[in-house]
Each structure stands twice: as structure tokens, then as C-alpha cells.
Amino acid sequence: MYEPAPIADGSPPRATSPSKSRASWILRLFSTVHDGEGLQAILLLFAVALILTSYYLMKTAREGLILSTHMFGLAAEELKSYAGGAMALLLLGIVPLYGLLAKTLKRITLINVSYAIVVGCLVVFFIVGTAGVPIGLAFFIWIGVVSVFLIAQFWSYANDLYTEEQGKRLFALIAIGGSLGAVAGPQLSKLGETFTLLPVAAGLLVITLILLNFVERMHKKTAAPDDKTADEAISGDDGFLLILRDPYLLFFAALILLSQLVNTNGEFILGSVVRAHAANLVPDSLYADLVGAAHTDAIDHDRREIIKGFYATYFFWVNLVGFIIQAFFVSRILQKLGVRKAIFIMPIVAIGASSMIGAIGGIYLIRAAKVAENSVDYSLENTVRQALWLPTTRAVKYKAKAAIDTFVVRFADTISAVIVWLLFRQMGLAATDLAFVNIAAMVLALGVAAGIAKYHKKISREHDAAGQHADALAPAVTHK
């Protein structure tokens, strides 16, 4: 009989065993699932699938809107890069505000409030955008803030539901939903024009919220009698303070910063070549019979739709490959290597991808390199990162995680903007030269990963020791 890890609050574990039901047998093709775990895992899988589908609808619309925007005398891909600074400044205020809400609201209420705000904003953007108001930059900044919050919040919630032992088994399965949604989103985006994607994305988030509320009610019914986490607000220090006081979190923040820096630099490179590609296909001399604003609007519309189509295809291949890795390889890699060794894989892949971009270049090779890099990032690396949070406290999972997954990510975008300004605007180098910056960043990331592995081993031992101590005291409590 399988012996489960102690429940995080110290209550005695409930006996579970590998399930023999047909549904769980199918799930076990992807990971190890025990009795009573299948339904909740499936619901969470569908929830994250809907989140990622919605995100990619918004993201595809975002690329078409921002890359066809001309503001402040900047090329669109430069505007994208510099917008990261605005996101980071906004998050300096939003992250502490989110922490205050977490202190006063129970977790499902916090989720409900967050989704209500996001859905309301999408409706406003749709109305304003279809009225002809330029929303490209504002929407780009907004989605850059919101998307990281929604995804971080989902995984904070999943970390709160499961013990470390359960999470290591089930996160690989649940994350398959994210890969499925990431494949479906770009394909759905081809069915409508840019602005029509926004209300569809809002509708998917409403369905997601219904699923999460159902999971919460189901979990409360099956939780141990003394498990009060569902009804308790998340106490503890502000997310930024938690990070500054903990070496493990500092290493984690450094890894996220370096990874995001490389990703943002890569997106700048890709955006540059895609915008040039669209300009070649739709030259300024086209629509010679139109003049003034009509000519500009026609050119911008055609280029925007070409860019949207390119990114829809690109996102599809990134996420199809990511799904295959997630479904058939991630669980097995984690079983063979464990999270502390698996964390080194992504930097090695990124070094290889950046080397090809810097040495050879070309739109199709750059696309292939980014597909390889991002597919591993969104599947294996994402699952590893989420599992690394499992032995931490609730305050760390909700507050420090939110700070790292939002502010640190966007601060990395700001650093990328500075690098772009220096190399691209001041020194006149080619966009592909950023690939060599990425190689250096990923070499540094290998050292940071070693630090994370060291501290993760320590806190996992402390977490296990605390759980065993609480489990040893459980009989005495039971007999009172």
C-alpha cells in the first residue's frame, strides 16, 4: 500500500492507493494518480487549459495590435521592449496591493475578485477598440501585467491544494492542460479578426472561474476536518520582503529574471524579422489609389493580419511541441532526474537556440530555434518551477510567488529594453546580435540553478522532517 506524505498542516494523512478505475488508468499513462485524486486533477487540467487558451487569444491579438502601432518615433518591436518598464513600474504598486487583498480575503474570494477585474477590462478594451480608439500600447501593457498574474495565481492555488509528494506526481499531469490550451488558442485565433478575440477570451475566463469554484467546494468536502486553509486568508509578510529575507527565493528570482531576459530578447529578435517580413509583403507603394489616412489604414490592416497569422502559426508549433513534451516526457524526466537536476535542462537548450540565431539567423531558422526554446520552457521548465514551490509556506506560495512571477518577470523586460536601446538604437547593431547576450545570460543561469538545487534540498529536508514530526504526534491528538 502506498504511504502518502503528511498533510501540510500536520494532520494525519489519508490512505490512498494507486487507482484501478478506467479513468485513472488513462491518467496514469501520463503520471501516477491515486484514488480520490483523478477528478480534481482533471478539473484543474481543464481550468489551466482554458486560462492558456484565453491567454493565447489575447496574446495573438496583442501582437497584431502592437506590431502595427507607430508611436513616439519608435519601431513597433522597440515599443514592445520599452513597454516592459511601464509594466514593472505598475507592478511595484500592484504586487503590495495584491498582498493586502490576500491578507483579508480567503483564497477563492481572491480568485473571484481577480477574474472579475480581468473580464471587465477585456469588455472595455473590446468596446473602445472597435470604436476606433488606438489601444495597442495600453492593451500590450495591460496583458503583460494580467497574464502573469492569472497564471501565477493558478499555480499558487494548485500548490495550496496539494502536498509536496502529490504535487511532484500531479503537476506534470495538470500542466498538460496548459499545453493543450496553448495549442488551441492560436488555432482559435484564426477564426476571427483581432478585436473579436477579446470577448471570446473573456468568456473562457468566466468558465474557468466556474471550474475553480467547483474545485474549491469539492476540496473542502474531502479535506481533513482540521484543514482550515480554504477559509483562512494568507497571512505573512509582503512578497518583496519574503524574497529579500530568503536565499532560496533570491536564487529563484535570479533564475526567473535571467530566463525572462533571454525570452524577451528572443521575442524582440523574432518581432524584428516578422515586421520586416510583413513590410516586404505589403510595401508602402501598395494601394496607390488611396491617399492619406485611408492609405495608412489599409497598409496597417494588411500588415497586422499578416503578423497575426504568422504568430498564430508560430504559437501553434511552439505549443504543439510543448504539449508532446509535457504529455509524454515531463513526468518521466522528473521521475528519472528529479526537479533539482531537471532545472539545468532549459539553460542548455536556450544556449543552443541562441547560438543558432546568432551564428546563422534568417526568419525560418529563428522561428525554429524559438519553437525549440519556448516549447521546453512552457512544458518541462514550467512544471519544474511550479514543483520547486511545493515545500514552501502559504505566504511564499501566494505572495512571494506573485512578486517573482510578475514584477521580476517585468523587471527583466525592463533590463531587456535597456540592452535593446544600447545595442539597437545607440550602437546600430542588428537585432540578432542580442543572441550573444542570451548565451552569456544562460551560462550565468546554470550557476544560479546550482544555488537553487542546493537550497531546495535543504528546505525539502526541513519540510519532510516537520511533516514526520507532526505525523508522529497525530495519534496523541486523536486519542484526546
Protein backbone atom coordinates (compact mmCIF):
# COMPACT_ATOMS: atom_id res chain seq x y z
CA MET A 1 0.00 0.00 0.00
CA TYR A 2 1.26 3.45 -0.94
CA GLU A 3 2.13 5.64 2.07
CA PRO A 4 1.29 9.29 1.32
CA ALA A 5 3.24 12.26 2.66
CA PRO A 6 1.78 14.02 5.71
CA ILE A 7 -0.71 16.77 5.03
CA ALA A 8 0.94 20.19 5.16
CA ASP A 9 -0.96 21.30 8.27
CA GLY A 10 0.27 18.28 10.23
CA SER A 11 -2.98 16.29 10.26
CA PRO A 12 -2.73 12.53 9.67
CA PRO A 13 -2.56 11.56 6.01
CA ARG A 14 -5.50 9.80 4.41
CA ALA A 15 -4.63 6.42 2.97
CA THR A 16 -4.63 6.30 -0.77
CA SER A 17 -3.53 3.74 -3.28
CA PRO A 18 -2.94 3.62 -7.00
CA SER A 19 -6.39 3.74 -8.56
CA LYS A 20 -7.68 0.85 -10.64
CA SER A 21 -10.55 2.75 -12.30
CA ARG A 22 -10.51 3.11 -16.07
CA ALA A 23 -10.32 6.93 -15.94
CA SER A 24 -7.39 6.89 -13.55
CA TRP A 25 -5.70 4.17 -15.62
CA ILE A 26 -5.78 6.57 -18.58
CA LEU A 27 -4.41 9.40 -16.44
CA ARG A 28 -1.62 7.13 -15.24
CA LEU A 29 -0.34 6.97 -18.82
CA PHE A 30 0.93 10.48 -18.10
CA SER A 31 1.63 10.39 -14.36
CA THR A 32 0.97 8.44 -11.16
CA VAL A 33 -2.57 9.07 -9.89
CA HIS A 34 -4.04 7.63 -6.69
CA ASP A 35 -7.58 7.00 -5.51
CA GLY A 36 -9.56 10.19 -4.96
CA GLU A 37 -7.14 12.39 -6.93
CA GLY A 38 -8.35 11.94 -10.50
CA LEU A 39 -11.42 14.19 -10.68
CA GLN A 40 -9.81 17.20 -9.03
CA ALA A 41 -6.71 16.86 -11.21
CA ILE A 42 -8.86 16.66 -14.36
CA LEU A 43 -10.82 19.78 -13.38
CA LEU A 44 -7.61 21.69 -12.73
CA LEU A 45 -6.25 20.42 -16.05
CA PHE A 46 -9.32 21.85 -17.84
CA ALA A 47 -9.09 25.10 -15.86
CA VAL A 48 -5.49 25.78 -16.84
CA ALA A 49 -6.31 24.74 -20.42
CA LEU A 50 -8.96 27.45 -20.56
CA ILE A 51 -6.63 30.02 -18.98
CA LEU A 52 -3.95 29.35 -21.59
CA THR A 53 -6.48 29.28 -24.45
CA SER A 54 -7.76 32.67 -23.33
CA TYR A 55 -4.23 33.97 -22.90
CA TYR A 56 -3.18 32.98 -26.40
CA LEU A 57 -6.28 34.59 -27.89
CA MET A 58 -5.30 37.80 -26.11
CA LYS A 59 -1.62 37.36 -26.96
CA THR A 60 -2.28 36.83 -30.65
CA ALA A 61 -4.49 39.92 -30.72
CA ARG A 62 -1.80 41.81 -28.80
CA GLU A 63 0.91 41.06 -31.37
CA GLY A 64 -1.22 42.29 -34.24
CA LEU A 65 -2.15 45.46 -32.36
CA ILE A 66 1.29 46.41 -31.06
CA LEU A 67 3.38 45.48 -34.12
CA SER A 68 1.14 47.61 -36.35
CA THR A 69 1.41 50.58 -33.97
CA HIS A 70 3.59 53.62 -34.64
CA MET A 71 4.22 55.88 -31.62
CA PHE A 72 6.93 58.25 -30.36
CA GLY A 73 9.02 57.70 -33.50
CA LEU A 74 9.87 54.14 -32.44
CA ALA A 75 9.72 50.89 -34.36
CA ALA A 76 6.98 48.63 -33.05
CA GLU A 77 9.36 45.97 -31.71
CA GLU A 78 11.24 48.70 -29.82
CA LEU A 79 7.96 49.94 -28.38
CA LYS A 80 7.24 46.40 -27.16
CA SER A 81 10.61 46.21 -25.47
CA TYR A 82 10.35 49.58 -23.72
CA ALA A 83 6.79 48.85 -22.54
CA GLY A 84 8.26 46.31 -20.11
CA GLY A 85 9.49 49.22 -17.99
CA ALA A 86 5.97 50.58 -17.68
CA MET A 87 4.76 47.13 -16.59
CA ALA A 88 7.45 46.88 -13.92
CA LEU A 89 6.51 50.30 -12.52
CA LEU A 90 2.84 49.32 -12.37
CA LEU A 91 3.68 46.07 -10.60
CA LEU A 92 5.60 47.92 -7.89
CA GLY A 93 2.19 49.12 -6.74
CA ILE A 94 0.05 46.16 -7.76
CA VAL A 95 2.08 43.44 -6.00
CA PRO A 96 1.76 45.01 -2.50
CA LEU A 97 -1.93 45.69 -3.16
CA TYR A 98 -2.42 42.03 -4.11
CA GLY A 99 -0.65 41.05 -0.89
CA LEU A 100 -3.06 43.20 1.14
CA LEU A 101 -6.03 41.57 -0.56
CA ALA A 102 -4.57 38.14 0.18
CA LYS A 103 -4.35 39.08 3.87
CA THR A 104 -8.05 39.94 4.04
CA LEU A 105 -9.73 37.54 1.59
CA LYS A 106 -9.94 33.77 1.60
CA ARG A 107 -8.32 32.19 -1.42
CA ILE A 108 -11.41 31.56 -3.59
CA THR A 109 -12.69 35.10 -2.98
CA LEU A 110 -9.29 36.44 -4.01
CA ILE A 111 -9.54 34.44 -7.22
CA ASN A 112 -13.12 35.61 -7.90
CA VAL A 113 -12.19 39.27 -7.47
CA SER A 114 -9.15 38.91 -9.73
CA TYR A 115 -11.12 37.31 -12.56
CA ALA A 116 -13.96 39.83 -12.31
CA ILE A 117 -11.47 42.67 -12.83
CA VAL A 118 -9.81 40.96 -15.81
CA VAL A 119 -13.09 40.12 -17.57
CA GLY A 120 -14.38 43.67 -17.05
CA CYS A 121 -11.21 45.15 -18.57
CA LEU A 122 -11.47 42.88 -21.62
CA VAL A 123 -15.01 44.09 -22.27
CA VAL A 124 -13.84 47.71 -22.04
CA PHE A 125 -10.92 47.11 -24.44
CA PHE A 126 -13.29 45.48 -26.94
CA ILE A 127 -15.75 48.38 -26.85
CA VAL A 128 -13.06 51.05 -27.07
CA GLY A 129 -11.02 49.25 -29.72
CA THR A 130 -13.95 48.60 -32.05
CA ALA A 131 -14.89 52.28 -31.70
CA GLY A 132 -11.61 53.14 -33.42
CA VAL A 133 -9.58 54.26 -30.41
CA PRO A 134 -5.91 53.16 -30.64
CA ILE A 135 -5.41 50.62 -27.84
CA GLY A 136 -2.27 48.80 -28.99
CA LEU A 137 0.18 50.10 -26.37
CA ALA A 138 -2.32 50.19 -23.49
CA PHE A 139 -3.51 46.65 -24.25
CA PHE A 140 0.06 45.39 -24.54
CA ILE A 141 0.97 46.78 -21.11
CA TRP A 142 -2.28 45.56 -19.54
CA ILE A 143 -1.98 41.98 -20.80
CA GLY A 144 1.67 41.92 -19.78
CA VAL A 145 0.59 42.57 -16.19
CA VAL A 146 -2.58 40.49 -16.13
CA SER A 147 -1.37 37.34 -17.89
CA VAL A 148 1.46 36.66 -15.45
CA PHE A 149 -0.87 37.25 -12.51
CA LEU A 150 -3.52 34.80 -13.72
CA ILE A 151 -1.03 32.02 -14.39
CA ALA A 152 0.90 32.64 -11.16
CA GLN A 153 -2.34 32.67 -9.17
CA PHE A 154 -3.48 29.36 -10.66
CA TRP A 155 -0.26 27.62 -9.68
CA SER A 156 -0.30 29.23 -6.22
CA TYR A 157 -3.75 27.71 -5.78
CA ALA A 158 -2.59 24.30 -7.02
CA ASN A 159 0.38 24.45 -4.63
CA ASP A 160 -2.05 25.18 -1.80
CA LEU A 161 -4.26 22.20 -2.63
CA TYR A 162 -1.55 19.54 -2.79
CA THR A 163 1.21 18.24 -0.57
CA GLU A 164 4.75 18.17 -1.92
CA GLU A 165 4.51 14.46 -2.68
CA GLN A 166 1.21 14.90 -4.55
CA GLY A 167 2.41 17.94 -6.46
CA LYS A 168 5.50 16.16 -7.76
CA ARG A 169 3.24 13.47 -9.20
CA LEU A 170 0.25 15.51 -10.36
CA PHE A 171 1.70 18.80 -11.62
CA ALA A 172 3.07 17.13 -14.74
CA LEU A 173 -0.46 15.87 -15.45
CA ILE A 174 -2.23 19.15 -14.68
CA ALA A 175 0.24 21.11 -16.80
CA ILE A 176 -0.85 19.07 -19.83
CA GLY A 177 -3.97 21.25 -19.75
CA GLY A 178 -1.82 24.33 -20.16
CA SER A 179 -0.12 22.78 -23.17
CA LEU A 180 -3.49 21.87 -24.70
CA GLY A 181 -4.81 25.38 -24.18
CA ALA A 182 -1.67 26.85 -25.67
CA VAL A 183 -2.20 24.73 -28.80
CA ALA A 184 -5.91 25.54 -29.06
CA GLY A 185 -5.59 29.30 -28.51
CA PRO A 186 -3.56 30.16 -31.62
CA GLN A 187 -5.80 27.94 -33.76
CA LEU A 188 -8.98 29.58 -32.45
CA SER A 189 -7.46 33.00 -33.07
CA LYS A 190 -7.53 32.28 -36.82
CA LEU A 191 -11.34 32.14 -36.78
CA GLY A 192 -11.92 35.82 -36.10
CA GLU A 193 -10.40 39.25 -36.54
CA THR A 194 -8.23 40.84 -33.91
CA PHE A 195 -10.85 42.63 -31.81
CA THR A 196 -13.35 39.76 -31.80
CA LEU A 197 -10.84 37.63 -29.89
CA LEU A 198 -11.23 39.76 -26.75
CA PRO A 199 -14.84 38.87 -25.75
CA VAL A 200 -14.15 35.22 -26.56
CA ALA A 201 -11.16 35.31 -24.20
CA ALA A 202 -13.37 36.89 -21.51
CA GLY A 203 -15.98 34.14 -21.89
CA LEU A 204 -13.36 31.42 -21.46
CA LEU A 205 -12.16 33.05 -18.23
CA VAL A 206 -15.73 33.05 -16.89
CA ILE A 207 -15.92 29.29 -17.49
CA THR A 208 -12.52 28.90 -15.80
CA LEU A 209 -13.81 30.71 -12.74
CA ILE A 210 -16.81 28.37 -12.53
CA LEU A 211 -14.48 25.36 -12.62
CA LEU A 212 -12.20 26.76 -9.91
CA ASN A 213 -15.14 27.44 -7.62
CA PHE A 214 -16.33 23.87 -8.14
CA VAL A 215 -12.85 22.55 -7.31
CA GLU A 216 -12.84 24.63 -4.13
CA ARG A 217 -16.19 23.24 -2.96
CA MET A 218 -15.13 19.69 -3.80
CA HIS A 219 -11.81 20.09 -1.99
CA LYS A 220 -13.48 21.44 1.16
CA LYS A 221 -15.74 18.37 1.26
CA THR A 222 -12.82 15.94 1.04
CA ALA A 223 -10.28 17.85 3.15
CA ALA A 224 -9.33 16.74 6.66
CA PRO A 225 -11.71 18.09 9.37
CA ASP A 226 -8.99 20.31 10.84
CA ASP A 227 -7.83 21.68 7.48
CA LYS A 228 -9.00 25.30 7.56
CA THR A 229 -6.78 26.67 4.79
CA ALA A 230 -9.71 27.22 2.42
CA ASP A 231 -11.34 29.68 4.83
CA GLU A 232 -8.19 31.42 6.01
CA ALA A 233 -6.63 34.49 4.46
CA ILE A 234 -2.94 34.24 3.59
CA SER A 235 -1.04 35.81 6.47
CA GLY A 236 2.63 36.76 6.48
CA ASP A 237 4.92 39.48 5.17
CA ASP A 238 4.75 41.30 1.87
CA GLY A 239 6.04 39.32 -1.12
CA PHE A 240 9.04 41.58 -1.67
CA LEU A 241 10.13 41.26 1.96
CA LEU A 242 9.83 37.49 1.84
CA ILE A 243 12.14 37.37 -1.19
CA LEU A 244 14.78 39.66 0.32
CA ARG A 245 14.97 37.57 3.51
CA ASP A 246 15.32 34.13 1.90
CA PRO A 247 18.37 33.00 -0.15
CA TYR A 248 16.29 30.32 -1.87
CA LEU A 249 13.82 32.92 -3.12
CA LEU A 250 16.63 35.24 -4.18
CA PHE A 251 18.16 32.49 -6.31
CA PHE A 252 14.72 31.69 -7.68
CA ALA A 253 14.14 35.36 -8.57
CA ALA A 254 17.55 35.49 -10.28
CA LEU A 255 16.74 32.44 -12.41
CA ILE A 256 13.36 33.86 -13.45
CA LEU A 257 14.99 37.20 -14.27
CA LEU A 258 17.63 35.61 -16.48
CA SER A 259 15.16 33.29 -18.18
CA GLN A 260 12.74 36.11 -18.90
CA LEU A 261 15.55 38.34 -20.15
CA VAL A 262 16.51 35.69 -22.68
CA ASN A 263 12.87 35.13 -23.69
CA THR A 264 12.20 38.87 -24.14
CA ASN A 265 15.38 39.37 -26.16
CA GLY A 266 14.36 36.43 -28.33
CA GLU A 267 10.88 37.89 -28.87
CA PHE A 268 12.47 41.19 -29.91
CA ILE A 269 14.60 39.38 -32.47
CA LEU A 270 11.59 37.49 -33.81
CA GLY A 271 9.38 40.60 -33.83
CA SER A 272 12.00 42.49 -35.85
CA VAL A 273 12.22 39.89 -38.59
CA VAL A 274 8.43 39.38 -38.69
CA ARG A 275 7.74 43.10 -39.01
CA ALA A 276 10.30 43.33 -41.84
CA HIS A 277 8.68 40.31 -43.48
CA ALA A 278 5.23 41.94 -43.34
CA ALA A 279 6.64 45.19 -44.74
CA ASN A 280 8.12 43.29 -47.69
CA LEU A 281 4.82 41.58 -48.42
CA VAL A 282 2.79 44.79 -48.05
CA PRO A 283 5.05 47.64 -49.24
CA ASP A 284 4.16 51.30 -48.79
CA SER A 285 3.59 51.56 -52.53
CA LEU A 286 0.58 49.25 -52.32
CA TYR A 287 -2.92 50.79 -52.60
CA ALA A 288 -1.60 53.64 -54.72
CA ASP A 289 -5.20 54.65 -55.46
CA LEU A 290 -5.73 55.55 -51.78
CA VAL A 291 -4.43 58.70 -50.13
CA GLY A 292 -3.90 59.99 -46.61
CA ALA A 293 -5.45 58.13 -43.69
CA ALA A 294 -7.22 55.62 -45.95
CA HIS A 295 -3.89 54.52 -47.42
CA THR A 296 -2.26 54.22 -43.99
CA ASP A 297 -5.22 52.29 -42.57
CA ALA A 298 -5.23 49.82 -45.46
CA ILE A 299 -1.47 49.19 -45.17
CA ASP A 300 -1.67 48.80 -41.37
CA HIS A 301 -4.64 46.43 -41.60
CA ASP A 302 -2.94 44.10 -44.09
CA ARG A 303 0.35 44.06 -42.18
CA ARG A 304 -1.47 43.48 -38.89
CA GLU A 305 -3.30 40.46 -40.26
CA ILE A 306 -0.09 39.02 -41.76
CA ILE A 307 1.66 39.43 -38.42
CA LYS A 308 -1.30 37.91 -36.60
CA GLY A 309 -1.29 34.93 -38.98
CA PHE A 310 2.46 34.40 -38.56
CA TYR A 311 2.21 34.45 -34.77
CA ALA A 312 -0.84 32.18 -34.79
CA THR A 313 1.20 29.57 -36.69
CA TYR A 314 4.29 30.17 -34.57
CA PHE A 315 2.39 29.83 -31.30
CA PHE A 316 0.70 26.69 -32.61
CA TRP A 317 4.02 24.93 -33.27
CA VAL A 318 5.57 26.12 -30.01
CA ASN A 319 2.66 24.73 -28.07
CA LEU A 320 2.15 21.55 -30.08
CA VAL A 321 5.77 20.57 -29.45
CA GLY A 322 5.35 21.74 -25.84
CA PHE A 323 2.27 19.53 -25.46
CA ILE A 324 4.13 16.47 -26.73
CA ILE A 325 6.98 17.12 -24.30
CA GLN A 326 4.55 17.78 -21.44
CA ALA A 327 2.34 14.76 -22.06
CA PHE A 328 4.94 12.10 -22.76
CA PHE A 329 8.29 13.22 -21.39
CA VAL A 330 7.98 15.60 -18.41
CA SER A 331 6.70 13.09 -15.84
CA ARG A 332 9.33 10.56 -16.90
CA ILE A 333 12.14 13.12 -16.83
CA LEU A 334 11.14 14.21 -13.33
CA GLN A 335 10.97 10.60 -12.15
CA LYS A 336 14.43 9.86 -13.56
CA LEU A 337 16.23 13.11 -12.71
CA GLY A 338 14.13 14.87 -10.06
CA VAL A 339 13.43 18.61 -10.06
CA ARG A 340 16.90 19.60 -8.88
CA LYS A 341 18.63 18.10 -11.93
CA ALA A 342 15.86 18.89 -14.41
CA ILE A 343 16.24 22.62 -13.76
CA PHE A 344 19.54 22.59 -15.69
CA ILE A 345 17.93 21.43 -18.96
CA MET A 346 16.35 24.74 -20.00
CA PRO A 347 19.55 26.85 -19.87
CA ILE A 348 21.34 24.26 -22.01
CA VAL A 349 18.54 24.30 -24.63
CA ALA A 350 18.49 28.12 -24.65
CA ILE A 351 22.26 28.28 -25.20
CA GLY A 352 21.90 26.02 -28.24
CA ALA A 353 18.96 28.03 -29.67
CA SER A 354 20.71 31.39 -29.20
CA SER A 355 23.88 30.04 -30.77
CA MET A 356 21.97 29.14 -33.95
CA ILE A 357 20.25 32.53 -34.08
CA GLY A 358 23.47 34.47 -33.58
CA ALA A 359 25.59 32.41 -35.94
CA ILE A 360 23.14 31.84 -38.82
CA GLY A 361 19.94 33.91 -38.48
CA GLY A 362 17.11 34.05 -41.04
CA ILE A 363 13.39 34.15 -40.31
CA TYR A 364 12.77 30.41 -40.60
CA LEU A 365 15.77 29.33 -38.54
CA ILE A 366 14.95 31.94 -35.89
CA ARG A 367 11.40 30.62 -35.77
CA ALA A 368 12.63 27.03 -35.43
CA ALA A 369 15.07 27.99 -32.66
CA LYS A 370 12.38 29.87 -30.76
CA VAL A 371 9.97 26.95 -31.16
CA ALA A 372 12.55 24.62 -29.61
CA GLU A 373 13.42 27.01 -26.78
CA ASN A 374 9.88 28.06 -25.89
CA SER A 375 8.37 24.57 -26.13
CA VAL A 376 10.81 23.31 -23.48
CA ASP A 377 10.28 26.45 -21.41
CA TYR A 378 6.47 26.16 -21.43
CA SER A 379 6.43 22.43 -20.66
CA LEU A 380 9.32 20.91 -18.71
CA GLU A 381 10.73 24.13 -17.28
CA ASN A 382 7.31 25.40 -16.23
CA THR A 383 6.48 22.17 -14.39
CA VAL A 384 9.88 22.14 -12.67
CA ARG A 385 9.44 25.73 -11.50
CA GLN A 386 5.98 25.05 -10.08
CA ALA A 387 7.22 21.95 -8.25
CA LEU A 388 10.04 23.96 -6.65
CA TRP A 389 7.42 25.96 -4.72
CA LEU A 390 5.84 22.89 -3.09
CA PRO A 391 7.91 22.76 0.15
CA THR A 392 7.40 26.49 0.86
CA THR A 393 4.83 28.19 3.13
CA ARG A 394 1.42 29.54 2.05
CA ALA A 395 2.63 33.13 2.29
CA VAL A 396 5.54 32.32 0.00
CA LYS A 397 3.31 30.47 -2.47
CA TYR A 398 0.80 33.31 -2.83
CA LYS A 399 2.82 36.47 -2.13
CA ALA A 400 6.48 35.82 -2.96
CA LYS A 401 5.45 33.74 -5.98
CA ALA A 402 3.22 36.55 -7.22
CA ALA A 403 6.07 39.04 -6.82
CA ILE A 404 8.58 36.82 -8.66
CA ASP A 405 6.21 35.74 -11.42
CA THR A 406 5.05 39.31 -12.07
CA PHE A 407 7.45 42.07 -11.00
CA VAL A 408 10.68 40.11 -11.52
CA VAL A 409 9.45 38.99 -14.94
CA ARG A 410 8.64 42.55 -15.99
CA PHE A 411 11.82 43.93 -14.43
CA ALA A 412 13.67 41.53 -16.71
CA ASP A 413 11.74 43.06 -19.61
CA THR A 414 12.98 46.48 -18.47
CA ILE A 415 16.59 45.28 -18.48
CA SER A 416 15.99 43.90 -21.97
CA ALA A 417 14.67 47.31 -23.04
CA VAL A 418 17.88 48.98 -21.83
CA ILE A 419 20.00 46.43 -23.69
CA VAL A 420 17.91 46.93 -26.84
CA TRP A 421 18.31 50.70 -26.57
CA LEU A 422 22.09 50.41 -26.20
CA LEU A 423 22.71 47.83 -28.92
CA PHE A 424 19.95 48.57 -31.37
CA ARG A 425 19.34 52.31 -31.07
CA GLN A 426 22.73 53.67 -29.92
CA MET A 427 25.23 51.25 -31.46
CA GLY A 428 23.24 50.33 -34.56
CA LEU A 429 23.75 46.57 -34.22
CA ALA A 430 21.43 44.00 -35.77
CA ALA A 431 18.62 42.53 -33.73
CA THR A 432 20.20 39.08 -34.00
CA ASP A 433 23.23 40.32 -32.04
CA LEU A 434 21.06 40.04 -28.94
CA ALA A 435 21.52 36.27 -29.23
CA PHE A 436 25.05 36.60 -27.84
CA VAL A 437 23.70 38.44 -24.79
CA ASN A 438 21.32 35.50 -24.32
CA ILE A 439 24.18 32.99 -24.40
CA ALA A 440 26.00 34.85 -21.62
CA ALA A 441 22.80 35.10 -19.55
CA MET A 442 22.13 31.36 -19.79
CA VAL A 443 25.68 30.47 -18.79
CA LEU A 444 25.09 32.56 -15.67
CA ALA A 445 21.72 30.80 -15.22
CA LEU A 446 23.50 27.45 -14.90
CA GLY A 447 25.29 28.76 -11.80
CA VAL A 448 22.05 30.15 -10.37
CA ALA A 449 20.35 26.78 -10.93
CA ALA A 450 23.08 25.16 -8.85
CA GLY A 451 22.23 27.53 -5.99
CA ILE A 452 18.53 26.71 -6.25
CA ALA A 453 19.27 22.98 -6.17
CA LYS A 454 21.38 23.41 -3.02
CA TYR A 455 18.73 25.35 -1.08
CA HIS A 456 15.83 23.27 -2.38
CA LYS A 457 17.48 20.15 -0.96
CA LYS A 458 17.76 21.88 2.40
CA ILE A 459 14.18 23.17 2.63
CA SER A 460 12.76 19.85 1.36
CA ARG A 461 14.53 18.02 4.19
CA GLU A 462 13.23 20.56 6.72
CA HIS A 463 9.71 20.26 5.28
CA ASP A 464 9.81 16.46 5.41
CA ALA A 465 11.17 16.50 8.97
CA ALA A 466 8.40 18.84 10.10
CA GLY A 467 5.76 16.65 8.45
CA GLN A 468 7.13 13.48 10.06
CA HIS A 469 7.19 15.18 13.45
CA ALA A 470 3.57 16.27 13.08
CA ASP A 471 2.58 12.79 11.90
CA ALA A 472 4.25 11.22 14.96
CA LEU A 473 2.17 13.44 17.24
CA ALA A 474 -1.09 12.65 15.40
CA PRO A 475 -2.06 9.54 17.48
CA ALA A 476 -1.78 11.51 20.72
CA VAL A 477 -4.06 14.18 19.29
CA THR A 478 -6.51 11.57 18.04
CA HIS A 479 -6.86 9.96 21.47
CA LYS A 480 -7.62 13.18 23.33
